[in-house]
């Protein structure tokens, strides 16, 4: 199957028109990368402990976060990238001050998640 250029409109993935919050699955483009845009202004807030059967890459766009990946804790700030291997439990929280924004790349065409908390 030949792939062609395509585009999603913001309304197709974003939960709000003025915040980078939302997601899309790679199957929309026939590819094996899905994306979550995560934003929170609340310090201490973030996704609860979970795992995926595929790798995940977290790009910290703004703010600071404490990542727990397996038995490691990593403090990351804007411009840093954290790698979460397949099947390894992980979570992160906003350390503040201010907003945390991440772009999370899931190496899969379709999201699959097991919540552990």
N, C-alpha and C. Protein backbone atom coordinates (compact mmCIF):
# COMPACT_ATOMS: atom_id res chain seq x y z
N UNK A 1 0.84 -1.18 0.00
CA UNK A 1 0.00 0.00 0.00
C UNK A 1 0.89 1.26 0.00
N UNK A 2 0.66 2.12 -0.92
CA UNK A 2 1.41 3.36 -1.00
C UNK A 2 0.81 4.38 -0.03
N UNK A 3 1.69 5.04 0.72
CA UNK A 3 1.23 6.07 1.66
C UNK A 3 1.27 7.42 0.97
N UNK A 4 0.31 8.27 1.34
CA UNK A 4 0.26 9.61 0.77
C UNK A 4 0.24 10.64 1.89
N UNK A 5 0.60 11.85 1.58
CA UNK A 5 0.57 12.92 2.56
C UNK A 5 -0.87 13.14 3.04
N UNK A 6 -1.02 13.43 4.31
CA UNK A 6 -2.35 13.66 4.88
C UNK A 6 -2.23 14.68 6.01
N UNK A 7 -3.36 15.20 6.46
CA UNK A 7 -3.33 16.20 7.52
C UNK A 7 -4.57 16.04 8.39
N UNK A 8 -4.39 16.16 9.69
CA UNK A 8 -5.52 16.22 10.63
C UNK A 8 -5.74 17.67 11.01
N UNK A 9 -6.96 18.07 11.07
CA UNK A 9 -7.29 19.41 11.56
C UNK A 9 -7.25 19.38 13.09
N UNK A 10 -6.96 20.51 13.70
CA UNK A 10 -6.88 20.58 15.16
C UNK A 10 -8.15 20.05 15.81
N UNK A 11 -9.30 20.33 15.24
CA UNK A 11 -10.58 19.88 15.80
C UNK A 11 -10.69 18.35 15.81
N UNK A 12 -9.86 17.66 15.04
CA UNK A 12 -9.90 16.21 14.98
C UNK A 12 -9.11 15.54 16.10
N UNK A 13 -8.22 16.29 16.77
CA UNK A 13 -7.42 15.69 17.84
C UNK A 13 -7.47 16.47 19.15
N UNK A 14 -7.68 17.78 19.11
CA UNK A 14 -7.58 18.62 20.30
C UNK A 14 -8.87 18.61 21.12
N UNK A 15 -8.71 18.55 22.44
CA UNK A 15 -9.86 18.60 23.34
C UNK A 15 -10.34 20.03 23.56
N UNK A 16 -9.43 21.01 23.42
CA UNK A 16 -9.76 22.43 23.60
C UNK A 16 -9.06 23.22 22.50
N UNK A 17 -9.64 24.33 22.08
CA UNK A 17 -9.04 25.08 20.98
C UNK A 17 -7.78 25.86 21.36
N UNK A 18 -7.53 26.07 22.66
CA UNK A 18 -6.41 26.92 23.07
C UNK A 18 -5.39 26.23 23.95
N UNK A 19 -5.47 24.89 24.10
CA UNK A 19 -4.54 24.13 24.94
C UNK A 19 -4.07 22.92 24.15
N UNK A 20 -2.78 22.59 24.29
CA UNK A 20 -2.24 21.39 23.64
C UNK A 20 -2.62 20.19 24.48
N UNK A 21 -3.84 19.70 24.30
CA UNK A 21 -4.37 18.56 25.03
C UNK A 21 -5.21 17.75 24.04
N UNK A 22 -4.83 16.50 23.83
CA UNK A 22 -5.58 15.65 22.92
C UNK A 22 -4.71 14.54 22.40
N UNK A 23 -5.22 13.79 21.44
CA UNK A 23 -4.48 12.65 20.93
C UNK A 23 -4.99 12.23 19.56
N UNK A 24 -4.16 11.45 18.88
CA UNK A 24 -4.60 10.78 17.66
C UNK A 24 -3.82 9.48 17.51
N UNK A 25 -4.44 8.51 16.87
CA UNK A 25 -3.80 7.22 16.63
C UNK A 25 -3.17 7.20 15.24
N UNK A 26 -2.04 6.53 15.15
CA UNK A 26 -1.30 6.45 13.90
C UNK A 26 -2.06 5.79 12.77
N UNK A 27 -3.03 4.95 13.11
CA UNK A 27 -3.80 4.28 12.06
C UNK A 27 -4.50 5.29 11.15
N UNK A 28 -4.72 6.51 11.64
CA UNK A 28 -5.33 7.56 10.80
C UNK A 28 -4.46 7.87 9.58
N UNK A 29 -3.14 7.58 9.71
CA UNK A 29 -2.21 7.83 8.62
C UNK A 29 -1.61 6.54 8.07
N UNK A 30 -2.04 5.39 8.61
CA UNK A 30 -1.47 4.12 8.19
C UNK A 30 -0.05 3.95 8.68
N UNK A 31 0.24 4.48 9.90
CA UNK A 31 1.59 4.39 10.45
C UNK A 31 1.56 3.84 11.87
N UNK A 32 2.72 3.47 12.37
CA UNK A 32 2.83 2.87 13.70
C UNK A 32 3.33 3.85 14.76
N UNK A 33 2.86 5.09 14.71
CA UNK A 33 3.15 6.08 15.75
C UNK A 33 1.86 6.80 16.08
N UNK A 34 1.49 6.77 17.37
CA UNK A 34 0.32 7.49 17.86
C UNK A 34 0.82 8.56 18.82
N UNK A 35 0.07 9.65 18.99
CA UNK A 35 0.56 10.80 19.75
C UNK A 35 -0.47 11.25 20.78
N UNK A 36 0.04 11.56 21.98
CA UNK A 36 -0.75 12.19 23.02
C UNK A 36 -0.11 13.54 23.32
N UNK A 37 -0.91 14.60 23.29
CA UNK A 37 -0.48 15.92 23.74
C UNK A 37 -1.07 16.09 25.13
N UNK A 38 -0.20 16.26 26.14
CA UNK A 38 -0.67 16.34 27.53
C UNK A 38 -0.31 17.71 28.09
N UNK A 39 -1.27 18.33 28.78
CA UNK A 39 -1.05 19.63 29.42
C UNK A 39 -1.76 19.66 30.76
N UNK A 40 -1.05 20.16 31.78
CA UNK A 40 -1.69 20.41 33.07
C UNK A 40 -1.04 21.61 33.74
N UNK A 41 -1.85 22.41 34.38
CA UNK A 41 -1.35 23.53 35.19
C UNK A 41 -1.28 23.15 36.66
N UNK A 42 -1.83 21.99 37.01
CA UNK A 42 -1.92 21.56 38.41
C UNK A 42 -0.64 20.83 38.83
N UNK A 43 0.04 21.37 39.83
CA UNK A 43 1.25 20.75 40.34
C UNK A 43 0.88 19.45 41.05
N UNK A 44 1.66 18.40 40.80
CA UNK A 44 1.39 17.09 41.36
C UNK A 44 0.47 16.23 40.51
N UNK A 45 -0.03 16.78 39.42
CA UNK A 45 -0.97 16.05 38.55
C UNK A 45 -0.23 15.42 37.37
N UNK A 46 -0.73 14.26 36.96
CA UNK A 46 -0.19 13.58 35.80
C UNK A 46 -0.86 12.24 35.64
N UNK A 47 -0.51 11.51 34.61
CA UNK A 47 -1.10 10.19 34.39
C UNK A 47 -0.71 9.22 35.50
N UNK A 48 -1.63 8.36 35.91
CA UNK A 48 -1.34 7.37 36.94
C UNK A 48 -0.49 6.25 36.35
N UNK A 49 0.05 5.40 37.23
CA UNK A 49 0.93 4.32 36.81
C UNK A 49 0.22 3.38 35.84
N UNK A 50 0.88 3.11 34.72
CA UNK A 50 0.32 2.25 33.69
C UNK A 50 1.46 1.70 32.84
N UNK A 51 1.12 0.81 31.91
CA UNK A 51 2.12 0.30 30.97
C UNK A 51 1.46 0.02 29.62
N UNK A 52 2.33 -0.09 28.62
CA UNK A 52 1.89 -0.35 27.25
C UNK A 52 2.72 -1.52 26.69
N UNK A 53 2.19 -2.25 25.73
CA UNK A 53 2.97 -3.34 25.11
C UNK A 53 3.90 -2.83 24.00
N UNK A 54 4.21 -1.56 24.01
CA UNK A 54 5.08 -0.93 23.01
C UNK A 54 5.86 0.19 23.69
N UNK A 55 6.93 0.66 23.06
CA UNK A 55 7.74 1.76 23.58
C UNK A 55 6.96 3.07 23.55
N UNK A 56 7.36 3.98 24.47
CA UNK A 56 6.80 5.33 24.48
C UNK A 56 7.93 6.33 24.71
N UNK A 57 7.86 7.44 24.00
CA UNK A 57 8.86 8.50 24.10
C UNK A 57 8.15 9.77 24.54
N UNK A 58 8.65 10.39 25.62
CA UNK A 58 8.04 11.59 26.18
C UNK A 58 8.93 12.79 25.87
N UNK A 59 8.38 13.80 25.22
CA UNK A 59 9.10 15.03 24.94
C UNK A 59 8.52 16.10 25.85
N UNK A 60 9.35 16.65 26.73
CA UNK A 60 8.88 17.71 27.63
C UNK A 60 9.00 19.03 26.88
N UNK A 61 7.86 19.60 26.55
CA UNK A 61 7.82 20.85 25.78
C UNK A 61 7.90 22.08 26.68
N UNK A 62 7.30 21.99 27.86
CA UNK A 62 7.26 23.14 28.77
C UNK A 62 7.17 22.61 30.19
N UNK A 63 7.84 23.27 31.13
CA UNK A 63 7.74 22.92 32.54
C UNK A 63 8.71 21.85 32.97
N UNK A 64 8.37 21.25 34.13
CA UNK A 64 9.21 20.20 34.73
C UNK A 64 8.33 19.06 35.20
N UNK A 65 8.84 17.85 35.08
CA UNK A 65 8.07 16.67 35.47
C UNK A 65 8.97 15.67 36.18
N UNK A 66 8.38 14.92 37.09
CA UNK A 66 9.04 13.79 37.70
C UNK A 66 8.47 12.53 37.07
N UNK A 67 9.30 11.82 36.32
CA UNK A 67 8.91 10.57 35.67
C UNK A 67 9.33 9.40 36.53
N UNK A 68 8.46 8.43 36.65
CA UNK A 68 8.79 7.14 37.23
C UNK A 68 8.68 6.14 36.10
N UNK A 69 9.80 5.49 35.77
CA UNK A 69 9.85 4.50 34.71
C UNK A 69 10.50 3.26 35.30
N UNK A 70 9.68 2.24 35.56
CA UNK A 70 10.20 1.07 36.26
C UNK A 70 10.63 1.48 37.65
N UNK A 71 11.86 1.16 38.02
CA UNK A 71 12.36 1.52 39.35
C UNK A 71 13.20 2.81 39.34
N UNK A 72 13.18 3.54 38.23
CA UNK A 72 13.94 4.80 38.12
C UNK A 72 13.03 6.00 38.24
N UNK A 73 13.55 7.05 38.84
CA UNK A 73 12.87 8.34 38.85
C UNK A 73 13.76 9.33 38.13
N UNK A 74 13.16 10.06 37.19
CA UNK A 74 13.89 11.00 36.36
C UNK A 74 13.19 12.35 36.41
N UNK A 75 13.92 13.38 36.79
CA UNK A 75 13.37 14.73 36.76
C UNK A 75 13.74 15.34 35.41
N UNK A 76 12.73 15.71 34.64
CA UNK A 76 12.96 16.22 33.29
C UNK A 76 12.34 17.61 33.15
N UNK A 77 12.98 18.44 32.33
CA UNK A 77 12.47 19.79 32.09
C UNK A 77 12.41 20.04 30.60
N UNK A 78 11.84 21.19 30.24
CA UNK A 78 11.61 21.55 28.84
C UNK A 78 12.85 21.27 27.99
N UNK A 79 12.62 20.56 26.89
CA UNK A 79 13.69 20.23 25.96
C UNK A 79 14.29 18.86 26.18
N UNK A 80 13.97 18.21 27.30
CA UNK A 80 14.49 16.88 27.55
C UNK A 80 13.50 15.81 27.08
N UNK A 81 14.04 14.63 26.81
CA UNK A 81 13.26 13.52 26.29
C UNK A 81 13.48 12.31 27.19
N UNK A 82 12.39 11.63 27.54
CA UNK A 82 12.45 10.44 28.38
C UNK A 82 11.93 9.25 27.58
N UNK A 83 12.62 8.11 27.70
CA UNK A 83 12.24 6.89 26.99
C UNK A 83 11.61 5.91 27.97
N UNK A 84 10.46 5.38 27.62
CA UNK A 84 9.79 4.34 28.39
C UNK A 84 9.70 3.07 27.58
N UNK A 85 10.45 2.03 27.97
CA UNK A 85 10.42 0.77 27.22
C UNK A 85 9.07 0.07 27.31
N UNK A 86 8.78 -0.75 26.34
CA UNK A 86 7.55 -1.56 26.31
C UNK A 86 7.44 -2.39 27.58
N UNK A 87 6.21 -2.48 28.10
CA UNK A 87 5.86 -3.31 29.26
C UNK A 87 6.44 -2.85 30.58
N UNK A 88 7.09 -1.70 30.63
CA UNK A 88 7.64 -1.17 31.88
C UNK A 88 6.65 -0.15 32.44
N UNK A 89 6.19 -0.34 33.68
CA UNK A 89 5.26 0.62 34.28
C UNK A 89 5.86 2.02 34.35
N UNK A 90 5.03 3.04 34.10
CA UNK A 90 5.52 4.41 34.12
C UNK A 90 4.39 5.39 34.45
N UNK A 91 4.81 6.56 34.91
CA UNK A 91 3.89 7.67 35.18
C UNK A 91 4.74 8.93 35.27
N UNK A 92 4.07 10.09 35.32
CA UNK A 92 4.78 11.33 35.58
C UNK A 92 3.84 12.34 36.22
N UNK A 93 4.44 13.31 36.92
CA UNK A 93 3.67 14.38 37.55
C UNK A 93 4.34 15.72 37.28
N UNK A 94 3.52 16.76 37.27
CA UNK A 94 3.99 18.13 37.10
C UNK A 94 4.69 18.56 38.38
N UNK A 95 5.96 18.96 38.28
CA UNK A 95 6.70 19.47 39.43
C UNK A 95 6.53 20.97 39.62
N UNK A 96 6.04 21.67 38.60
CA UNK A 96 5.88 23.11 38.69
C UNK A 96 7.24 23.79 38.74
N UNK A 97 7.28 25.09 38.90
CA UNK A 97 6.08 25.92 38.96
C UNK A 97 5.49 26.08 37.56
N UNK A 98 4.21 26.24 37.49
CA UNK A 98 3.55 26.52 36.21
C UNK A 98 3.16 25.28 35.44
N UNK A 99 2.89 25.50 34.18
CA UNK A 99 2.32 24.51 33.27
C UNK A 99 3.35 23.46 32.86
N UNK A 100 2.86 22.23 32.72
CA UNK A 100 3.62 21.13 32.13
C UNK A 100 2.95 20.77 30.82
N UNK A 101 3.75 20.69 29.76
CA UNK A 101 3.28 20.22 28.45
C UNK A 101 4.22 19.14 27.97
N UNK A 102 3.66 17.99 27.58
CA UNK A 102 4.46 16.94 26.98
C UNK A 102 3.82 16.50 25.67
N UNK A 103 4.65 15.99 24.79
CA UNK A 103 4.19 15.31 23.59
C UNK A 103 4.69 13.88 23.74
N UNK A 104 3.77 12.92 23.78
CA UNK A 104 4.10 11.53 24.08
C UNK A 104 3.88 10.69 22.83
N UNK A 105 4.96 10.11 22.34
CA UNK A 105 4.93 9.30 21.13
C UNK A 105 4.80 7.83 21.50
N UNK A 106 3.71 7.21 21.09
CA UNK A 106 3.46 5.80 21.32
C UNK A 106 3.81 5.06 20.03
N UNK A 107 4.71 4.09 20.12
CA UNK A 107 5.17 3.40 18.92
C UNK A 107 4.19 2.28 18.59
N UNK A 108 3.02 2.70 18.09
CA UNK A 108 1.93 1.79 17.75
C UNK A 108 0.91 2.52 16.89
N UNK A 109 0.16 1.77 16.13
CA UNK A 109 -0.92 2.36 15.32
C UNK A 109 -2.17 2.61 16.14
N UNK A 110 -2.34 1.86 17.25
CA UNK A 110 -3.55 1.93 18.07
C UNK A 110 -3.14 1.88 19.55
N UNK A 111 -3.68 2.78 20.36
CA UNK A 111 -3.35 2.81 21.79
C UNK A 111 -3.78 1.52 22.49
N UNK A 112 -2.95 1.06 23.42
CA UNK A 112 -3.27 -0.05 24.30
C UNK A 112 -2.62 0.26 25.65
N UNK A 113 -3.39 0.24 26.71
CA UNK A 113 -2.87 0.63 28.02
C UNK A 113 -3.47 -0.24 29.12
N UNK A 114 -2.60 -0.65 30.05
CA UNK A 114 -3.04 -1.36 31.26
C UNK A 114 -2.80 -0.43 32.44
N UNK A 115 -3.87 0.02 33.09
CA UNK A 115 -3.77 0.88 34.27
C UNK A 115 -3.38 0.05 35.47
N UNK A 116 -2.42 0.54 36.26
CA UNK A 116 -1.90 -0.20 37.39
C UNK A 116 -2.22 0.48 38.74
N UNK A 117 -2.75 1.68 38.70
CA UNK A 117 -3.16 2.41 39.92
C UNK A 117 -4.61 2.81 39.79
